[in-house]
Amino acid sequence: MDVIWQGRQEYSHVENLQKNNLPRIKNTRQIEVWGLEFEPVVTLGKRSKVEQDLVASLTVLSNHGIQVLQTDRGGQATLHSP
């Protein structure tokens, strides 16, 4: 098992790293555990509805340095932050 510290990263960067590394490890028995912190971001999953799931406006979140990103993952709204 490999443990890899990624540090503090943008969510979209880590999402791309995961997608790009999947083919490399998919058909192996290799296990990788990534430790990291995300810059503040709210991810909106496939079932998310902005008007129902966010208690603050996009402007307020942006003014506080919090990105809001649509993802292809399941679920609703999730806050990721250090």
N, C-alpha and C. Protein backbone atom coordinates (compact mmCIF):
# COMPACT_ATOMS: atom_id res chain seq x y z
N MET A 1 0.85 -1.17 0.00
CA MET A 1 0.00 0.00 0.00
C MET A 1 0.89 1.24 0.00
N ASP A 2 0.54 2.17 -0.87
CA ASP A 2 1.25 3.44 -0.93
C ASP A 2 0.39 4.52 -0.31
N VAL A 3 0.96 5.30 0.61
CA VAL A 3 0.28 6.44 1.20
C VAL A 3 0.95 7.69 0.64
N ILE A 4 0.14 8.54 0.02
CA ILE A 4 0.67 9.71 -0.68
C ILE A 4 0.01 10.97 -0.12
N TRP A 5 0.82 11.87 0.41
CA TRP A 5 0.30 13.14 0.91
C TRP A 5 0.25 14.13 -0.26
N GLN A 6 -0.95 14.57 -0.58
CA GLN A 6 -1.14 15.50 -1.70
C GLN A 6 -1.12 16.96 -1.27
N GLY A 7 -1.18 17.23 0.03
CA GLY A 7 -1.20 18.61 0.49
C GLY A 7 -2.57 19.24 0.30
N ARG A 8 -2.56 20.57 0.27
CA ARG A 8 -3.81 21.32 0.10
C ARG A 8 -4.02 21.57 -1.39
N GLN A 9 -5.16 21.15 -1.91
CA GLN A 9 -5.40 21.16 -3.35
C GLN A 9 -6.78 21.71 -3.69
N GLU A 10 -6.92 22.14 -4.93
CA GLU A 10 -8.23 22.49 -5.47
C GLU A 10 -8.98 21.19 -5.75
N TYR A 11 -10.27 21.17 -5.49
CA TYR A 11 -11.08 19.96 -5.69
C TYR A 11 -10.98 19.47 -7.13
N SER A 12 -11.13 20.36 -8.09
CA SER A 12 -11.14 19.95 -9.49
C SER A 12 -9.80 19.33 -9.90
N HIS A 13 -8.69 19.81 -9.32
CA HIS A 13 -7.37 19.24 -9.61
C HIS A 13 -7.31 17.78 -9.11
N VAL A 14 -7.79 17.55 -7.90
CA VAL A 14 -7.75 16.20 -7.34
C VAL A 14 -8.70 15.27 -8.11
N GLU A 15 -9.85 15.79 -8.51
CA GLU A 15 -10.78 14.99 -9.30
C GLU A 15 -10.12 14.55 -10.61
N ASN A 16 -9.38 15.45 -11.25
CA ASN A 16 -8.65 15.10 -12.48
C ASN A 16 -7.54 14.10 -12.20
N LEU A 17 -6.82 14.26 -11.09
CA LEU A 17 -5.78 13.29 -10.72
C LEU A 17 -6.38 11.89 -10.55
N GLN A 18 -7.53 11.81 -9.88
CA GLN A 18 -8.18 10.52 -9.68
C GLN A 18 -8.54 9.88 -11.02
N LYS A 19 -9.17 10.65 -11.88
CA LYS A 19 -9.59 10.13 -13.18
C LYS A 19 -8.38 9.71 -14.03
N ASN A 20 -7.32 10.49 -13.99
CA ASN A 20 -6.12 10.17 -14.78
C ASN A 20 -5.35 8.98 -14.23
N ASN A 21 -5.42 8.75 -12.92
CA ASN A 21 -4.68 7.64 -12.31
C ASN A 21 -5.47 6.34 -12.29
N LEU A 22 -6.76 6.39 -12.49
CA LEU A 22 -7.58 5.18 -12.45
C LEU A 22 -7.12 4.10 -13.43
N PRO A 23 -6.87 4.43 -14.70
CA PRO A 23 -6.42 3.37 -15.63
C PRO A 23 -5.11 2.70 -15.18
N ARG A 24 -4.25 3.46 -14.55
CA ARG A 24 -2.95 2.94 -14.12
C ARG A 24 -3.10 1.87 -13.03
N ILE A 25 -4.05 2.03 -12.13
CA ILE A 25 -4.15 1.10 -11.00
C ILE A 25 -5.38 0.19 -11.07
N LYS A 26 -6.24 0.40 -12.03
CA LYS A 26 -7.52 -0.33 -12.09
C LYS A 26 -7.35 -1.85 -12.11
N ASN A 27 -6.46 -2.35 -12.91
CA ASN A 27 -6.31 -3.80 -13.05
C ASN A 27 -5.11 -4.36 -12.29
N THR A 28 -4.74 -3.69 -11.22
CA THR A 28 -3.65 -4.18 -10.38
C THR A 28 -4.19 -4.41 -8.97
N ARG A 29 -3.36 -4.95 -8.14
CA ARG A 29 -3.72 -5.11 -6.72
C ARG A 29 -3.15 -3.96 -5.90
N GLN A 30 -2.62 -2.98 -6.58
CA GLN A 30 -2.02 -1.83 -5.90
C GLN A 30 -3.08 -1.03 -5.17
N ILE A 31 -2.77 -0.64 -3.96
CA ILE A 31 -3.65 0.21 -3.16
C ILE A 31 -2.94 1.53 -2.91
N GLU A 32 -3.61 2.61 -3.20
CA GLU A 32 -3.09 3.94 -2.91
C GLU A 32 -4.08 4.67 -2.00
N VAL A 33 -3.55 5.28 -0.97
CA VAL A 33 -4.35 6.11 -0.08
C VAL A 33 -3.80 7.52 -0.19
N TRP A 34 -4.65 8.45 -0.57
CA TRP A 34 -4.24 9.84 -0.72
C TRP A 34 -4.74 10.63 0.47
N GLY A 35 -3.82 11.29 1.14
CA GLY A 35 -4.19 12.24 2.18
C GLY A 35 -4.11 13.63 1.60
N LEU A 36 -5.11 14.47 1.90
CA LEU A 36 -5.11 15.82 1.35
C LEU A 36 -6.11 16.69 2.06
N GLU A 37 -6.01 17.97 1.80
CA GLU A 37 -7.00 18.96 2.24
C GLU A 37 -7.49 19.69 1.00
N PHE A 38 -8.77 19.99 0.98
CA PHE A 38 -9.31 20.77 -0.13
C PHE A 38 -9.36 22.24 0.22
N GLU A 39 -9.10 23.07 -0.78
CA GLU A 39 -9.46 24.48 -0.64
C GLU A 39 -10.97 24.51 -0.46
N PRO A 40 -11.53 25.50 0.22
CA PRO A 40 -12.97 25.52 0.48
C PRO A 40 -13.79 25.43 -0.81
N VAL A 41 -14.68 24.42 -0.85
CA VAL A 41 -15.51 24.20 -2.03
C VAL A 41 -16.79 23.48 -1.60
N VAL A 42 -17.89 23.82 -2.25
CA VAL A 42 -19.13 23.06 -2.12
C VAL A 42 -19.31 22.33 -3.43
N THR A 43 -19.41 20.99 -3.36
CA THR A 43 -19.67 20.22 -4.57
C THR A 43 -21.16 19.89 -4.62
N LEU A 44 -21.70 20.01 -5.82
CA LEU A 44 -23.11 19.71 -6.04
C LEU A 44 -23.22 18.42 -6.83
N GLY A 45 -23.78 17.40 -6.21
CA GLY A 45 -23.93 16.11 -6.86
C GLY A 45 -25.11 16.08 -7.82
N LYS A 46 -25.34 14.94 -8.41
CA LYS A 46 -26.39 14.78 -9.42
C LYS A 46 -27.79 15.11 -8.88
N ARG A 47 -28.03 14.87 -7.61
CA ARG A 47 -29.36 15.11 -7.04
C ARG A 47 -29.49 16.49 -6.40
N SER A 48 -28.47 17.30 -6.49
CA SER A 48 -28.47 18.60 -5.83
C SER A 48 -29.35 19.62 -6.55
N LYS A 49 -30.00 20.44 -5.73
CA LYS A 49 -30.78 21.58 -6.23
C LYS A 49 -30.29 22.80 -5.48
N VAL A 50 -29.62 23.70 -6.20
CA VAL A 50 -28.99 24.86 -5.57
C VAL A 50 -29.95 25.59 -4.65
N GLU A 51 -31.16 25.85 -5.14
CA GLU A 51 -32.13 26.64 -4.36
C GLU A 51 -32.57 25.92 -3.08
N GLN A 52 -32.42 24.61 -3.02
CA GLN A 52 -32.82 23.87 -1.83
C GLN A 52 -31.63 23.48 -0.94
N ASP A 53 -30.49 23.25 -1.55
CA ASP A 53 -29.36 22.68 -0.81
C ASP A 53 -28.37 23.70 -0.25
N LEU A 54 -28.38 24.91 -0.78
CA LEU A 54 -27.45 25.93 -0.28
C LEU A 54 -28.20 26.93 0.59
N VAL A 55 -27.65 27.19 1.77
CA VAL A 55 -28.29 28.16 2.67
C VAL A 55 -27.75 29.57 2.46
N ALA A 56 -26.72 29.69 1.65
CA ALA A 56 -26.15 31.00 1.30
C ALA A 56 -26.15 31.12 -0.23
N SER A 57 -26.22 32.34 -0.70
CA SER A 57 -26.22 32.55 -2.15
C SER A 57 -24.83 32.26 -2.72
N LEU A 58 -24.79 32.02 -4.02
CA LEU A 58 -23.51 31.81 -4.70
C LEU A 58 -22.59 33.02 -4.52
N THR A 59 -23.16 34.20 -4.51
CA THR A 59 -22.37 35.43 -4.32
C THR A 59 -21.74 35.47 -2.94
N VAL A 60 -22.52 35.15 -1.92
CA VAL A 60 -21.99 35.14 -0.54
C VAL A 60 -20.88 34.11 -0.40
N LEU A 61 -21.11 32.92 -0.94
CA LEU A 61 -20.07 31.89 -0.87
C LEU A 61 -18.80 32.34 -1.58
N SER A 62 -18.95 32.90 -2.77
CA SER A 62 -17.80 33.40 -3.53
C SER A 62 -17.06 34.49 -2.76
N ASN A 63 -17.80 35.39 -2.15
CA ASN A 63 -17.18 36.47 -1.37
C ASN A 63 -16.39 35.95 -0.18
N HIS A 64 -16.71 34.74 0.27
CA HIS A 64 -15.98 34.12 1.37
C HIS A 64 -14.93 33.12 0.87
N GLY A 65 -14.65 33.15 -0.43
CA GLY A 65 -13.60 32.30 -0.98
C GLY A 65 -14.00 30.85 -1.14
N ILE A 66 -15.30 30.58 -1.21
CA ILE A 66 -15.78 29.20 -1.34
C ILE A 66 -16.29 28.99 -2.75
N GLN A 67 -15.65 28.08 -3.48
CA GLN A 67 -16.10 27.72 -4.82
C GLN A 67 -17.33 26.84 -4.73
N VAL A 68 -18.15 26.85 -5.78
CA VAL A 68 -19.27 25.92 -5.91
C VAL A 68 -19.11 25.23 -7.26
N LEU A 69 -19.01 23.88 -7.22
CA LEU A 69 -18.75 23.12 -8.43
C LEU A 69 -19.78 22.01 -8.61
N GLN A 70 -20.27 21.86 -9.82
CA GLN A 70 -21.13 20.73 -10.18
C GLN A 70 -20.23 19.52 -10.42
N THR A 71 -20.62 18.36 -9.90
CA THR A 71 -19.83 17.14 -10.11
C THR A 71 -20.72 16.06 -10.72
N ASP A 72 -20.08 15.01 -11.19
CA ASP A 72 -20.83 13.89 -11.75
C ASP A 72 -21.06 12.80 -10.72
N ARG A 73 -20.83 13.12 -9.47
CA ARG A 73 -21.00 12.16 -8.39
C ARG A 73 -22.44 12.21 -7.87
N GLY A 74 -22.82 11.19 -7.14
CA GLY A 74 -24.15 11.14 -6.56
C GLY A 74 -24.28 12.11 -5.40
N GLY A 75 -25.44 12.14 -4.83
CA GLY A 75 -25.64 12.95 -3.65
C GLY A 75 -26.09 14.37 -3.94
N GLN A 76 -26.04 15.17 -2.90
CA GLN A 76 -26.52 16.54 -2.99
C GLN A 76 -25.34 17.49 -2.82
N ALA A 77 -25.45 18.44 -1.90
CA ALA A 77 -24.38 19.41 -1.69
C ALA A 77 -23.48 18.95 -0.54
N THR A 78 -22.16 19.06 -0.75
CA THR A 78 -21.20 18.68 0.27
C THR A 78 -20.14 19.78 0.39
N LEU A 79 -19.88 20.23 1.61
CA LEU A 79 -18.82 21.21 1.85
C LEU A 79 -17.53 20.46 2.13
N HIS A 80 -16.47 20.83 1.39
CA HIS A 80 -15.12 20.30 1.62
C HIS A 80 -14.26 21.49 2.00
N SER A 81 -13.56 21.40 3.10
CA SER A 81 -12.65 22.50 3.46
C SER A 81 -11.60 21.96 4.43
N PRO A 82 -10.50 22.72 4.57
CA PRO A 82 -9.44 22.26 5.46
C PRO A 82 -9.92 22.18 6.90
